[in-house]
Amino acid sequence: MQEPTRALRTVTIQTADHGGVTFPEPGWCLGDHEVGGYRADLSHTGREVQLDYDDEALLLASFVQDPFATRGPRTVGLYVEQTGFSRTLDPDEVDQFADALVSHATVLRALPRQLAALRTWEGQ
């Protein structure tokens, strides 16, 4: 399979079912597109934000868009993944954990505004 080619904010990806598919690529997309898959599975993925506690991931978040989705929205959204973090904590660690969650909530609350700005900019 050919590697993705880019021209004027578009990307062309070879797919198993539609051959070369050329589509606009938003500026926030990292450009890591899977070659040789199905067109419906093509997606845009932005930089991942990792929210940690004690050097261990609690939440992962990134902007995503599935422009050829056959189910679900095609507009840009925020993908949030809760990791499988689990641990028994002592009283001090519970306080530290709660502090981390409050701090992460601040980050998460900023992301919808960024998402709204992206949607406005892209005319969605």
PDB file of N, CA and C in Angstrom:
ATOM      1  N   MET A   1       0.837  -1.186   0.000  1.00  0.00           N
ATOM      2  CA  MET A   1       0.000   0.000   0.000  1.00  0.00           C
ATOM      3  C   MET A   1       0.879   1.246   0.000  1.00  0.00           C
ATOM      4  N   GLN A   2       0.359   2.312  -0.570  1.00  0.00           N
ATOM      5  CA  GLN A   2       1.075   3.579  -0.602  1.00  0.00           C
ATOM      6  C   GLN A   2       0.925   4.306   0.719  1.00  0.00           C
ATOM      7  N   GLU A   3       1.929   5.108   1.039  1.00  0.00           N
ATOM      8  CA  GLU A   3       1.843   5.976   2.206  1.00  0.00           C
ATOM      9  C   GLU A   3       0.895   7.132   1.881  1.00  0.00           C
ATOM     10  N   PRO A   4       0.307   7.770   2.902  1.00  0.00           N
ATOM     11  CA  PRO A   4      -0.576   8.910   2.652  1.00  0.00           C
ATOM     12  C   PRO A   4       0.159  10.025   1.918  1.00  0.00           C
ATOM     13  N   THR A   5      -0.534  10.684   0.990  1.00  0.00           N
ATOM     14  CA  THR A   5       0.020  11.857   0.327  1.00  0.00           C
ATOM     15  C   THR A   5      -0.803  13.066   0.728  1.00  0.00           C
ATOM     16  N   ARG A   6      -0.147  14.227   0.806  1.00  0.00           N
ATOM     17  CA  ARG A   6      -0.819  15.436   1.275  1.00  0.00           C
ATOM     18  C   ARG A   6      -0.675  16.559   0.241  1.00  0.00           C
ATOM     19  N   ALA A   7      -1.728  17.351   0.119  1.00  0.00           N
ATOM     20  CA  ALA A   7      -1.687  18.524  -0.738  1.00  0.00           C
ATOM     21  C   ALA A   7      -2.769  19.490  -0.286  1.00  0.00           C
ATOM     22  N   LEU A   8      -2.392  20.741  -0.030  1.00  0.00           N
ATOM     23  CA  LEU A   8      -3.330  21.811   0.303  1.00  0.00           C
ATOM     24  C   LEU A   8      -4.387  21.403   1.333  1.00  0.00           C
ATOM     25  N   ARG A   9      -3.946  20.939   2.468  1.00  0.00           N
ATOM     26  CA  ARG A   9      -4.825  20.565   3.575  1.00  0.00           C
ATOM     27  C   ARG A   9      -5.792  19.446   3.216  1.00  0.00           C
ATOM     28  N   THR A  10      -5.382  18.612   2.298  1.00  0.00           N
ATOM     29  CA  THR A  10      -6.141  17.396   2.040  1.00  0.00           C
ATOM     30  C   THR A  10      -5.184  16.226   2.216  1.00  0.00           C
ATOM     31  N   VAL A  11      -5.739  15.060   2.368  1.00  0.00           N
ATOM     32  CA  VAL A  11      -4.937  13.849   2.471  1.00  0.00           C
ATOM     33  C   VAL A  11      -5.590  12.796   1.590  1.00  0.00           C
ATOM     34  N   THR A  12      -4.778  11.986   0.946  1.00  0.00           N
ATOM     35  CA  THR A  12      -5.280  10.877   0.146  1.00  0.00           C
ATOM     36  C   THR A  12      -4.797   9.588   0.784  1.00  0.00           C
ATOM     37  N   ILE A  13      -5.743   8.734   1.131  1.00  0.00           N
ATOM     38  CA  ILE A  13      -5.445   7.470   1.793  1.00  0.00           C
ATOM     39  C   ILE A  13      -5.978   6.330   0.931  1.00  0.00           C
ATOM     40  N   GLN A  14      -5.157   5.318   0.726  1.00  0.00           N
ATOM     41  CA  GLN A  14      -5.596   4.126   0.000  1.00  0.00           C
ATOM     42  C   GLN A  14      -6.433   3.261   0.937  1.00  0.00           C
ATOM     43  N   THR A  15      -7.633   2.913   0.479  1.00  0.00           N
ATOM     44  CA  THR A  15      -8.528   2.075   1.278  1.00  0.00           C
ATOM     45  C   THR A  15      -8.788   0.758   0.553  1.00  0.00           C
ATOM     46  N   ALA A  16      -9.214  -0.234   1.296  1.00  0.00           N
ATOM     47  CA  ALA A  16      -9.502  -1.549   0.727  1.00  0.00           C
ATOM     48  C   ALA A  16     -10.779  -1.550  -0.097  1.00  0.00           C
ATOM     49  N   ASP A  17     -11.722  -0.654   0.232  1.00  0.00           N
ATOM     50  CA  ASP A  17     -13.031  -0.702  -0.429  1.00  0.00           C
ATOM     51  C   ASP A  17     -13.299   0.430  -1.412  1.00  0.00           C
ATOM     52  N   HIS A  18     -12.569   1.559  -1.332  1.00  0.00           N
ATOM     53  CA  HIS A  18     -12.818   2.688  -2.229  1.00  0.00           C
ATOM     54  C   HIS A  18     -11.552   3.184  -2.923  1.00  0.00           C
ATOM     55  N   GLY A  19     -10.464   2.435  -2.855  1.00  0.00           N
ATOM     56  CA  GLY A  19      -9.222   2.893  -3.464  1.00  0.00           C
ATOM     57  C   GLY A  19      -8.717   4.138  -2.764  1.00  0.00           C
ATOM     58  N   GLY A  20      -8.148   5.069  -3.544  1.00  0.00           N
ATOM     59  CA  GLY A  20      -7.652   6.318  -2.969  1.00  0.00           C
ATOM     60  C   GLY A  20      -8.798   7.243  -2.593  1.00  0.00           C
ATOM     61  N   VAL A  21      -8.836   7.649  -1.344  1.00  0.00           N
ATOM     62  CA  VAL A  21      -9.875   8.561  -0.858  1.00  0.00           C
ATOM     63  C   VAL A  21      -9.188   9.858  -0.461  1.00  0.00           C
ATOM     64  N   THR A  22      -9.587  10.954  -1.111  1.00  0.00           N
ATOM     65  CA  THR A  22      -9.041  12.273  -0.802  1.00  0.00           C
ATOM     66  C   THR A  22     -10.081  13.047  -0.016  1.00  0.00           C
ATOM     67  N   PHE A  23      -9.653  13.602   1.113  1.00  0.00           N
ATOM     68  CA  PHE A  23     -10.583  14.349   1.956  1.00  0.00           C
ATOM     69  C   PHE A  23      -9.826  15.426   2.715  1.00  0.00           C
ATOM     70  N   PRO A  24     -10.538  16.490   3.138  1.00  0.00           N
ATOM     71  CA  PRO A  24      -9.895  17.578   3.870  1.00  0.00           C
ATOM     72  C   PRO A  24      -9.337  17.085   5.202  1.00  0.00           C
ATOM     73  N   GLU A  25      -8.186  17.644   5.558  1.00  0.00           N
ATOM     74  CA  GLU A  25      -7.584  17.301   6.847  1.00  0.00           C
ATOM     75  C   GLU A  25      -7.507  18.556   7.706  1.00  0.00           C
ATOM     76  N   PRO A  26      -8.191  18.553   8.858  1.00  0.00           N
ATOM     77  CA  PRO A  26      -8.151  19.735   9.727  1.00  0.00           C
ATOM     78  C   PRO A  26      -6.755  19.950  10.308  1.00  0.00           C
ATOM     79  N   GLY A  27      -6.455  21.199  10.626  1.00  0.00           N
ATOM     80  CA  GLY A  27      -5.140  21.544  11.156  1.00  0.00           C
ATOM     81  C   GLY A  27      -4.803  20.869  12.467  1.00  0.00           C
ATOM     82  N   TRP A  28      -5.794  20.481  13.247  1.00  0.00           N
ATOM     83  CA  TRP A  28      -5.540  19.845  14.538  1.00  0.00           C
ATOM     84  C   TRP A  28      -5.227  18.359  14.415  1.00  0.00           C
ATOM     85  N   CYS A  29      -5.460  17.773  13.249  1.00  0.00           N
ATOM     86  CA  CYS A  29      -5.234  16.339  13.049  1.00  0.00           C
ATOM     87  C   CYS A  29      -3.736  16.044  13.001  1.00  0.00           C
ATOM     88  N   LEU A  30      -3.328  14.977  13.673  1.00  0.00           N
ATOM     89  CA  LEU A  30      -1.919  14.579  13.689  1.00  0.00           C
ATOM     90  C   LEU A  30      -1.490  13.920  12.386  1.00  0.00           C
ATOM     91  N   GLY A  31      -2.442  13.509  11.557  1.00  0.00           N
ATOM     92  CA  GLY A  31      -2.118  12.936  10.256  1.00  0.00           C
ATOM     93  C   GLY A  31      -1.704  11.475  10.283  1.00  0.00           C
ATOM     94  N   ASP A  32      -1.992  10.778  11.359  1.00  0.00           N
ATOM     95  CA  ASP A  32      -1.662   9.353  11.457  1.00  0.00           C
ATOM     96  C   ASP A  32      -2.853   8.527  10.979  1.00  0.00           C
ATOM     97  N   HIS A  33      -2.967   8.377   9.656  1.00  0.00           N
ATOM     98  CA  HIS A  33      -4.104   7.670   9.075  1.00  0.00           C
ATOM     99  C   HIS A  33      -3.704   6.245   8.706  1.00  0.00           C
ATOM    100  N   GLU A  34      -4.588   5.302   8.987  1.00  0.00           N
ATOM    101  CA  GLU A  34      -4.328   3.904   8.656  1.00  0.00           C
ATOM    102  C   GLU A  34      -4.529   3.691   7.162  1.00  0.00           C
ATOM    103  N   VAL A  35      -3.520   3.117   6.523  1.00  0.00           N
ATOM    104  CA  VAL A  35      -3.578   2.819   5.100  1.00  0.00           C
ATOM    105  C   VAL A  35      -4.098   1.395   4.922  1.00  0.00           C
ATOM    106  N   GLY A  36      -4.989   1.205   3.942  1.00  0.00           N
ATOM    107  CA  GLY A  36      -5.452  -0.130   3.599  1.00  0.00           C
ATOM    108  C   GLY A  36      -6.690  -0.599   4.333  1.00  0.00           C
ATOM    109  N   GLY A  37      -7.240   0.233   5.199  1.00  0.00           N
ATOM    110  CA  GLY A  37      -8.465  -0.127   5.912  1.00  0.00           C
ATOM    111  C   GLY A  37      -9.691   0.239   5.096  1.00  0.00           C
ATOM    112  N   TYR A  38     -10.804   0.354   5.753  1.00  0.00           N
ATOM    113  CA  TYR A  38     -12.055   0.718   5.096  1.00  0.00           C
ATOM    114  C   TYR A  38     -12.298   2.216   5.218  1.00  0.00           C
ATOM    115  N   ARG A  39     -12.953   2.790   4.204  1.00  0.00           N
ATOM    116  CA  ARG A  39     -13.216   4.227   4.205  1.00  0.00           C
ATOM    117  C   ARG A  39     -13.988   4.655   5.452  1.00  0.00           C
ATOM    118  N   ALA A  40     -14.962   3.871   5.875  1.00  0.00           N
ATOM    119  CA  ALA A  40     -15.764   4.230   7.053  1.00  0.00           C
ATOM    120  C   ALA A  40     -14.917   4.325   8.320  1.00  0.00           C
ATOM    121  N   ASP A  41     -13.751   3.703   8.310  1.00  0.00           N
ATOM    122  CA  ASP A  41     -12.880   3.715   9.486  1.00  0.00           C
ATOM    123  C   ASP A  41     -11.851   4.841   9.468  1.00  0.00           C
ATOM    124  N   LEU A  42     -11.806   5.626   8.394  1.00  0.00           N
ATOM    125  CA  LEU A  42     -10.868   6.752   8.350  1.00  0.00           C
ATOM    126  C   LEU A  42     -11.267   7.772   9.404  1.00  0.00           C
ATOM    127  N   SER A  43     -10.287   8.292  10.097  1.00  0.00           N
ATOM    128  CA  SER A  43     -10.594   9.260  11.153  1.00  0.00           C
ATOM    129  C   SER A  43      -9.474  10.274  11.283  1.00  0.00           C
ATOM    130  N   HIS A  44      -9.814  11.387  11.882  1.00  0.00           N
ATOM    131  CA  HIS A  44      -8.844  12.408  12.272  1.00  0.00           C
ATOM    132  C   HIS A  44      -8.684  12.313  13.779  1.00  0.00           C
ATOM    133  N   THR A  45      -7.459  12.366  14.240  1.00  0.00           N
ATOM    134  CA  THR A  45      -7.184  12.315  15.675  1.00  0.00           C
ATOM    135  C   THR A  45      -6.218  13.427  16.033  1.00  0.00           C
ATOM    136  N   GLY A  46      -6.563  14.170  17.085  1.00  0.00           N
ATOM    137  CA  GLY A  46      -5.702  15.246  17.562  1.00  0.00           C
ATOM    138  C   GLY A  46      -4.768  14.782  18.669  1.00  0.00           C
ATOM    139  N   ARG A  47      -4.010  15.721  19.172  1.00  0.00           N
ATOM    140  CA  ARG A  47      -3.052  15.455  20.246  1.00  0.00           C
ATOM    141  C   ARG A  47      -3.785  14.918  21.465  1.00  0.00           C
ATOM    142  N   GLU A  48      -3.203  13.903  22.076  1.00  0.00           N
ATOM    143  CA  GLU A  48      -3.808  13.292  23.256  1.00  0.00           C
ATOM    144  C   GLU A  48      -3.411  14.056  24.512  1.00  0.00           C
ATOM    145  N   VAL A  49      -4.391  14.312  25.351  1.00  0.00           N
ATOM    146  CA  VAL A  49      -4.162  14.904  26.666  1.00  0.00           C
ATOM    147  C   VAL A  49      -4.260  13.768  27.672  1.00  0.00           C
ATOM    148  N   GLN A  50      -3.201  13.581  28.456  1.00  0.00           N
ATOM    149  CA  GLN A  50      -3.201  12.526  29.469  1.00  0.00           C
ATOM    150  C   GLN A  50      -3.253  13.166  30.842  1.00  0.00           C
ATOM    151  N   LEU A  51      -4.222  12.751  31.632  1.00  0.00           N
ATOM    152  CA  LEU A  51      -4.405  13.268  32.984  1.00  0.00           C
ATOM    153  C   LEU A  51      -4.027  12.162  33.961  1.00  0.00           C
ATOM    154  N   ASP A  52      -3.010  12.430  34.786  1.00  0.00           N
ATOM    155  CA  ASP A  52      -2.383  11.406  35.622  1.00  0.00           C
ATOM    156  C   ASP A  52      -2.656  11.590  37.105  1.00  0.00           C
ATOM    157  N   TYR A  53      -2.404  10.532  37.817  1.00  0.00           N
ATOM    158  CA  TYR A  53      -2.274  10.555  39.279  1.00  0.00           C
ATOM    159  C   TYR A  53      -1.085   9.664  39.618  1.00  0.00           C
ATOM    160  N   ASP A  54      -0.125  10.203  40.335  1.00  0.00           N
ATOM    161  CA  ASP A  54       1.049   9.438  40.771  1.00  0.00           C
ATOM    162  C   ASP A  54       1.724   8.755  39.578  1.00  0.00           C
ATOM    163  N   ASP A  55       1.919   9.530  38.507  1.00  0.00           N
ATOM    164  CA  ASP A  55       2.568   9.058  37.275  1.00  0.00           C
ATOM    165  C   ASP A  55       1.826   7.915  36.581  1.00  0.00           C
ATOM    166  N   GLU A  56       0.547   7.786  36.835  1.00  0.00           N
ATOM    167  CA  GLU A  56      -0.262   6.763  36.184  1.00  0.00           C
ATOM    168  C   GLU A  56      -1.473   7.435  35.536  1.00  0.00           C
ATOM    169  N   ALA A  57      -1.751   7.077  34.295  1.00  0.00           N
ATOM    170  CA  ALA A  57      -2.854   7.698  33.560  1.00  0.00           C
ATOM    171  C   ALA A  57      -4.201   7.377  34.194  1.00  0.00           C
ATOM    172  N   LEU A  58      -5.021   8.426  34.359  1.00  0.00           N
ATOM    173  CA  LEU A  58      -6.408   8.265  34.811  1.00  0.00           C
ATOM    174  C   LEU A  58      -7.371   8.437  33.648  1.00  0.00           C
ATOM    175  N   LEU A  59      -7.131   9.480  32.860  1.00  0.00           N
ATOM    176  CA  LEU A  59      -8.000   9.818  31.733  1.00  0.00           C
ATOM    177  C   LEU A  59      -7.143  10.186  30.534  1.00  0.00           C
ATOM    178  N   LEU A  60      -7.633   9.849  29.357  1.00  0.00           N
ATOM    179  CA  LEU A  60      -7.032  10.267  28.101  1.00  0.00           C
ATOM    180  C   LEU A  60      -8.118  10.988  27.318  1.00  0.00           C
ATOM    181  N   ALA A  61      -7.756  12.069  26.657  1.00  0.00           N
ATOM    182  CA  ALA A  61      -8.737  12.817  25.870  1.00  0.00           C
ATOM    183  C   ALA A  61      -8.071  13.340  24.601  1.00  0.00           C
ATOM    184  N   SER A  62      -8.809  13.326  23.503  1.00  0.00           N
ATOM    185  CA  SER A  62      -8.310  13.906  22.256  1.00  0.00           C
ATOM    186  C   SER A  62      -9.496  14.247  21.359  1.00  0.00           C
ATOM    187  N   PHE A  63      -9.273  15.236  20.501  1.00  0.00           N
ATOM    188  CA  PHE A  63     -10.284  15.583  19.513  1.00  0.00           C
ATOM    189  C   PHE A  63     -10.239  14.534  18.408  1.00  0.00           C
ATOM    190  N   VAL A  64     -11.411  14.094  17.965  1.00  0.00           N
ATOM    191  CA  VAL A  64     -11.507  13.093  16.904  1.00  0.00           C
ATOM    192  C   VAL A  64     -12.646  13.462  15.956  1.00  0.00           C
ATOM    193  N   GLN A  65     -12.529  12.961  14.745  1.00  0.00           N
ATOM    194  CA  GLN A  65     -13.602  13.120  13.763  1.00  0.00           C
ATOM    195  C   GLN A  65     -13.576  11.908  12.846  1.00  0.00           C
ATOM    196  N   ASP A  66     -14.738  11.382  12.564  1.00  0.00           N
ATOM    197  CA  ASP A  66     -14.890  10.240  11.663  1.00  0.00           C
ATOM    198  C   ASP A  66     -15.695  10.703  10.452  1.00  0.00           C
ATOM    199  N   PRO A  67     -15.030  11.291   9.440  1.00  0.00           N
ATOM    200  CA  PRO A  67     -15.757  11.941   8.349  1.00  0.00           C
ATOM    201  C   PRO A  67     -16.575  11.005   7.469  1.00  0.00           C
ATOM    202  N   PHE A  68     -16.306   9.713   7.507  1.00  0.00           N
ATOM    203  CA  PHE A  68     -17.057   8.769   6.678  1.00  0.00           C
ATOM    204  C   PHE A  68     -17.819   7.749   7.523  1.00  0.00           C
ATOM    205  N   ALA A  69     -18.072   8.081   8.765  1.00  0.00           N
ATOM    206  CA  ALA A  69     -18.757   7.152   9.675  1.00  0.00           C
ATOM    207  C   ALA A  69     -20.109   6.743   9.104  1.00  0.00           C
ATOM    208  N   THR A  70     -20.413   5.466   9.219  1.00  0.00           N
ATOM    209  CA  THR A  70     -21.728   4.987   8.787  1.00  0.00           C
ATOM    210  C   THR A  70     -22.707   4.977   9.952  1.00  0.00           C
ATOM    211  N   ARG A  71     -22.179   4.999  11.172  1.00  0.00           N
ATOM    212  CA  ARG A  71     -22.992   5.132  12.390  1.00  0.00           C
ATOM    213  C   ARG A  71     -22.328   6.175  13.267  1.00  0.00           C
ATOM    214  N   GLY A  72     -23.128   6.913  13.976  1.00  0.00           N
ATOM    215  CA  GLY A  72     -22.577   7.935  14.861  1.00  0.00           C
ATOM    216  C   GLY A  72     -22.293   9.223  14.114  1.00  0.00           C
ATOM    217  N   PRO A  73     -21.872  10.238  14.857  1.00  0.00           N
ATOM    218  CA  PRO A  73     -21.676  11.558  14.255  1.00  0.00           C
ATOM    219  C   PRO A  73     -20.430  11.624  13.379  1.00  0.00           C
ATOM    220  N   ARG A  74     -20.486  12.505  12.398  1.00  0.00           N
ATOM    221  CA  ARG A  74     -19.324  12.774  11.551  1.00  0.00           C
ATOM    222  C   ARG A  74     -18.613  14.057  11.968  1.00  0.00           C
ATOM    223  N   THR A  75     -19.195  14.780  12.894  1.00  0.00           N
ATOM    224  CA  THR A  75     -18.601  16.039  13.348  1.00  0.00           C
ATOM    225  C   THR A  75     -17.481  15.772  14.346  1.00  0.00           C
ATOM    226  N   VAL A  76     -16.623  16.770  14.521  1.00  0.00           N
ATOM    227  CA  VAL A  76     -15.527  16.636  15.481  1.00  0.00           C
ATOM    228  C   VAL A  76     -16.090  16.572  16.895  1.00  0.00           C
ATOM    229  N   GLY A  77     -15.523  15.698  17.696  1.00  0.00           N
ATOM    230  CA  GLY A  77     -15.942  15.531  19.081  1.00  0.00           C
ATOM    231  C   GLY A  77     -14.737  15.282  19.968  1.00  0.00           C
ATOM    232  N   LEU A  78     -14.991  15.148  21.239  1.00  0.00           N
ATOM    233  CA  LEU A  78     -13.927  14.860  22.200  1.00  0.00           C
ATOM    234  C   LEU A  78     -14.052  13.404  22.630  1.00  0.00           C
ATOM    235  N   TYR A  79     -13.020  12.637  22.338  1.00  0.00           N
ATOM    236  CA  TYR A  79     -12.968  11.240  22.773  1.00  0.00           C
ATOM    237  C   TYR A  79     -12.320  11.221  24.147  1.00  0.00           C
ATOM    238  N   VAL A  80     -13.000  10.631  25.125  1.00  0.00           N
ATOM    239  CA  VAL A  80     -12.473  10.534  26.488  1.00  0.00           C
ATOM    240  C   VAL A  80     -12.437   9.068  26.880  1.00  0.00           C
ATOM    241  N   GLU A  81     -11.290   8.647  27.355  1.00  0.00           N
ATOM    242  CA  GLU A  81     -11.116   7.262  27.795  1.00  0.00           C
ATOM    243  C   GLU A  81     -10.713   7.254  29.259  1.00  0.00           C
ATOM    244  N   GLN A  82     -11.455   6.521  30.044  1.00  0.00           N
ATOM    245  CA  GLN A  82     -11.105   6.338  31.448  1.00  0.00           C
ATOM    246  C   GLN A  82     -10.255   5.075  31.534  1.00  0.00           C
ATOM    247  N   THR A  83      -9.062   5.203  32.095  1.00  0.00           N
ATOM    248  CA  THR A  83      -8.169   4.051  32.161  1.00  0.00           C
ATOM    249  C   THR A  83      -8.636   3.087  33.238  1.00  0.00           C
ATOM    250  N   GLY A  84      -7.973   1.982  33.331  1.00  0.00           N
ATOM    251  CA  GLY A  84      -8.322   0.977  34.327  1.00  0.00           C
ATOM    252  C   GLY A  84      -7.626   1.182  35.657  1.00  0.00           C
ATOM    253  N   PHE A  85      -7.319   2.435  35.998  1.00  0.00           N
ATOM    254  CA  PHE A  85      -6.624   2.725  37.253  1.00  0.00           C
ATOM    255  C   PHE A  85      -7.414   2.191  38.437  1.00  0.00           C
ATOM    256  N   SER A  86      -6.728   1.472  39.303  1.00  0.00           N
ATOM    257  CA  SER A  86      -7.334   1.049  40.569  1.00  0.00           C
ATOM    258  C   SER A  86      -6.207   0.822  41.571  1.00  0.00           C
ATOM    259  N   ARG A  87      -6.457   1.243  42.789  1.00  0.00           N
ATOM    260  CA  ARG A  87      -5.441   1.128  43.825  1.00  0.00           C
ATOM    261  C   ARG A  87      -6.086   1.376  45.178  1.00  0.00           C
ATOM    262  N   THR A  88      -5.566   0.759  46.209  1.00  0.00           N
ATOM    263  CA  THR A  88      -5.982   1.048  47.575  1.00  0.00           C
ATOM    264  C   THR A  88      -5.142   2.214  48.076  1.00  0.00           C
ATOM    265  N   LEU A  89      -5.813   3.249  48.596  1.00  0.00           N
ATOM    266  CA  LEU A  89      -5.127   4.471  49.014  1.00  0.00           C
ATOM    267  C   LEU A  89      -5.252   4.671  50.515  1.00  0.00           C
ATOM    268  N   ASP A  90      -4.210   5.280  51.087  1.00  0.00           N
ATOM    269  CA  ASP A  90      -4.302   5.663  52.500  1.00  0.00           C
ATOM    270  C   ASP A  90      -4.945   7.051  52.571  1.00  0.00           C
ATOM    271  N   PRO A  91      -5.246   7.582  53.757  1.00  0.00           N
ATOM    272  CA  PRO A  91      -5.941   8.869  53.858  1.00  0.00           C
ATOM    273  C   PRO A  91      -5.235  10.013  53.121  1.00  0.00           C
ATOM    274  N   ASP A  92      -3.921  10.117  53.256  1.00  0.00           N
ATOM    275  CA  ASP A  92      -3.198  11.185  52.555  1.00  0.00           C
ATOM    276  C   ASP A  92      -3.283  11.013  51.040  1.00  0.00           C
ATOM    277  N   GLU A  93      -3.175   9.789  50.586  1.00  0.00           N
ATOM    278  CA  GLU A  93      -3.260   9.527  49.148  1.00  0.00           C
ATOM    279  C   GLU A  93      -4.654   9.836  48.607  1.00  0.00           C
ATOM    280  N   VAL A  94      -5.675   9.587  49.398  1.00  0.00           N
ATOM    281  CA  VAL A  94      -7.039   9.932  48.969  1.00  0.00           C
ATOM    282  C   VAL A  94      -7.146  11.439  48.769  1.00  0.00           C
ATOM    283  N   ASP A  95      -6.589  12.216  49.694  1.00  0.00           N
ATOM    284  CA  ASP A  95      -6.582  13.678  49.532  1.00  0.00           C
ATOM    285  C   ASP A  95      -5.821  14.081  48.273  1.00  0.00           C
ATOM    286  N   GLN A  96      -4.669  13.475  48.037  1.00  0.00           N
ATOM    287  CA  GLN A  96      -3.877  13.785  46.842  1.00  0.00           C
ATOM    288  C   GLN A  96      -4.635  13.390  45.575  1.00  0.00           C
ATOM    289  N   PHE A  97      -5.296  12.262  45.626  1.00  0.00           N
ATOM    290  CA  PHE A  97      -6.087  11.795  44.492  1.00  0.00           C
ATOM    291  C   PHE A  97      -7.228  12.772  44.202  1.00  0.00           C
ATOM    292  N   ALA A  98      -7.914  13.206  45.249  1.00  0.00           N
ATOM    293  CA  ALA A  98      -9.006  14.175  45.088  1.00  0.00           C
ATOM    294  C   ALA A  98      -8.480  15.483  44.508  1.00  0.00           C
ATOM    295  N   ASP A  99      -7.316  15.935  44.974  1.00  0.00           N
ATOM    296  CA  ASP A  99      -6.706  17.148  44.421  1.00  0.00           C
ATOM    297  C   ASP A  99      -6.417  16.978  42.931  1.00  0.00           C
ATOM    298  N   ALA A 100      -5.917  15.805  42.559  1.00  0.00           N
ATOM    299  CA  ALA A 100      -5.634  15.539  41.149  1.00  0.00           C
ATOM    300  C   ALA A 100      -6.919  15.590  40.325  1.00  0.00           C
ATOM    301  N   LEU A 101      -8.000  15.020  40.842  1.00  0.00           N
ATOM    302  CA  LEU A 101      -9.277  15.041  40.121  1.00  0.00           C
ATOM    303  C   LEU A 101      -9.799  16.459  39.936  1.00  0.00           C
ATOM    304  N   VAL A 102      -9.665  17.300  40.965  1.00  0.00           N
ATOM    305  CA  VAL A 102     -10.092  18.701  40.858  1.00  0.00           C
ATOM    306  C   VAL A 102      -9.267  19.407  39.783  1.00  0.00           C
ATOM    307  N   SER A 103      -7.965  19.176  39.794  1.00  0.00           N
ATOM    308  CA  SER A 103      -7.092  19.773  38.783  1.00  0.00           C
ATOM    309  C   SER A 103      -7.467  19.285  37.382  1.00  0.00           C
ATOM    310  N   HIS A 104      -7.732  18.001  37.249  1.00  0.00           N
ATOM    311  CA  HIS A 104      -8.112  17.444  35.947  1.00  0.00           C
ATOM    312  C   HIS A 104      -9.461  17.982  35.479  1.00  0.00           C
ATOM    313  N   ALA A 105     -10.365  18.238  36.404  1.00  0.00           N
ATOM    314  CA  ALA A 105     -11.667  18.809  36.040  1.00  0.00           C
ATOM    315  C   ALA A 105     -11.487  20.173  35.390  1.00  0.00           C
ATOM    316  N   THR A 106     -10.518  20.944  35.864  1.00  0.00           N
ATOM    317  CA  THR A 106     -10.230  22.250  35.264  1.00  0.00           C
ATOM    318  C   THR A 106      -9.803  22.080  33.808  1.00  0.00           C
ATOM    319  N   VAL A 107      -8.938  21.116  33.556  1.00  0.00           N
ATOM    320  CA  VAL A 107      -8.496  20.844  32.184  1.00  0.00           C
ATOM    321  C   VAL A 107      -9.677  20.381  31.335  1.00  0.00           C
ATOM    322  N   LEU A 108     -10.459  19.447  31.857  1.00  0.00           N
ATOM    323  CA  LEU A 108     -11.604  18.929  31.106  1.00  0.00           C
ATOM    324  C   LEU A 108     -12.622  20.015  30.796  1.00  0.00           C
ATOM    325  N   ARG A 109     -12.821  20.948  31.721  1.00  0.00           N
ATOM    326  CA  ARG A 109     -13.797  22.025  31.483  1.00  0.00           C
ATOM    327  C   ARG A 109     -13.346  22.979  30.383  1.00  0.00           C
ATOM    328  N   ALA A 110     -12.065  23.062  30.116  1.00  0.00           N
ATOM    329  CA  ALA A 110     -11.570  23.918  29.035  1.00  0.00           C
ATOM    330  C   ALA A 110     -11.761  23.258  27.668  1.00  0.00           C
ATOM    331  N   LEU A 111     -11.771  21.947  27.619  1.00  0.00           N
ATOM    332  CA  LEU A 111     -11.842  21.242  26.338  1.00  0.00           C
ATOM    333  C   LEU A 111     -13.141  21.472  25.570  1.00  0.00           C
ATOM    334  N   PRO A 112     -14.320  21.564  26.202  1.00  0.00           N
ATOM    335  CA  PRO A 112     -15.532  21.844  25.421  1.00  0.00           C
ATOM    336  C   PRO A 112     -15.480  23.199  24.712  1.00  0.00           C
ATOM    337  N   ARG A 113     -14.850  24.182  25.325  1.00  0.00           N
ATOM    338  CA  ARG A 113     -14.721  25.489  24.669  1.00  0.00           C
ATOM    339  C   ARG A 113     -13.816  25.378  23.443  1.00  0.00           C
ATOM    340  N   GLN A 114     -12.747  24.605  23.573  1.00  0.00           N
ATOM    341  CA  GLN A 114     -11.878  24.383  22.418  1.00  0.00           C
ATOM    342  C   GLN A 114     -12.624  23.621  21.326  1.00  0.00           C
ATOM    343  N   LEU A 115     -13.412  22.639  21.735  1.00  0.00           N
ATOM    344  CA  LEU A 115     -14.205  21.867  20.783  1.00  0.00           C
ATOM    345  C   LEU A 115     -15.217  22.756  20.067  1.00  0.00           C
ATOM    346  N   ALA A 116     -15.898  23.613  20.800  1.00  0.00           N
ATOM    347  CA  ALA A 116     -16.866  24.537  20.188  1.00  0.00           C
ATOM    348  C   ALA A 116     -16.172  25.456  19.192  1.00  0.00           C
ATOM    349  N   ALA A 117     -14.982  25.930  19.538  1.00  0.00           N
ATOM    350  CA  ALA A 117     -14.226  26.795  18.627  1.00  0.00           C
ATOM    351  C   ALA A 117     -13.841  26.032  17.361  1.00  0.00           C
ATOM    352  N   LEU A 118     -13.416  24.781  17.500  1.00  0.00           N
ATOM    353  CA  LEU A 118     -13.088  23.967  16.325  1.00  0.00           C
ATOM    354  C   LEU A 118     -14.305  23.778  15.435  1.00  0.00           C
ATOM    355  N   ARG A 119     -15.441  23.482  16.041  1.00  0.00           N
ATOM    356  CA  ARG A 119     -16.662  23.273  15.259  1.00  0.00           C
ATOM    357  C   ARG A 119     -17.085  24.548  14.537  1.00  0.00           C
ATOM    358  N   THR A 120     -16.974  25.676  15.207  1.00  0.00           N
ATOM    359  CA  THR A 120     -17.310  26.951  14.574  1.00  0.00           C
ATOM    360  C   THR A 120     -16.371  27.222  13.413  1.00  0.00           C
ATOM    361  N   TRP A 121     -15.081  27.024  13.646  1.00  0.00           N
ATOM    362  CA  TRP A 121     -14.075  27.280  12.620  1.00  0.00           C
ATOM    363  C   TRP A 121     -14.292  26.378  11.407  1.00  0.00           C
ATOM    364  N   GLU A 122     -14.720  25.143  11.646  1.00  0.00           N
ATOM    365  CA  GLU A 122     -14.928  24.200  10.548  1.00  0.00           C
ATOM    366  C   GLU A 122     -16.348  24.255   9.987  1.00  0.00           C
ATOM    367  N   GLY A 123     -17.185  25.153  10.514  1.00  0.00           N
ATOM    368  CA  GLY A 123     -18.541  25.309  10.009  1.00  0.00           C
ATOM    369  C   GLY A 123     -19.470  24.169  10.378  1.00  0.00           C
ATOM    370  N   GLN A 124     -19.237  23.534  11.524  1.00  0.00           N
ATOM    371  CA  GLN A 124     -20.077  22.395  11.934  1.00  0.00           C
ATOM    372  C   GLN A 124     -21.148  22.849  12.881  1.00  0.00           C
TER     373      GLN A 124
END
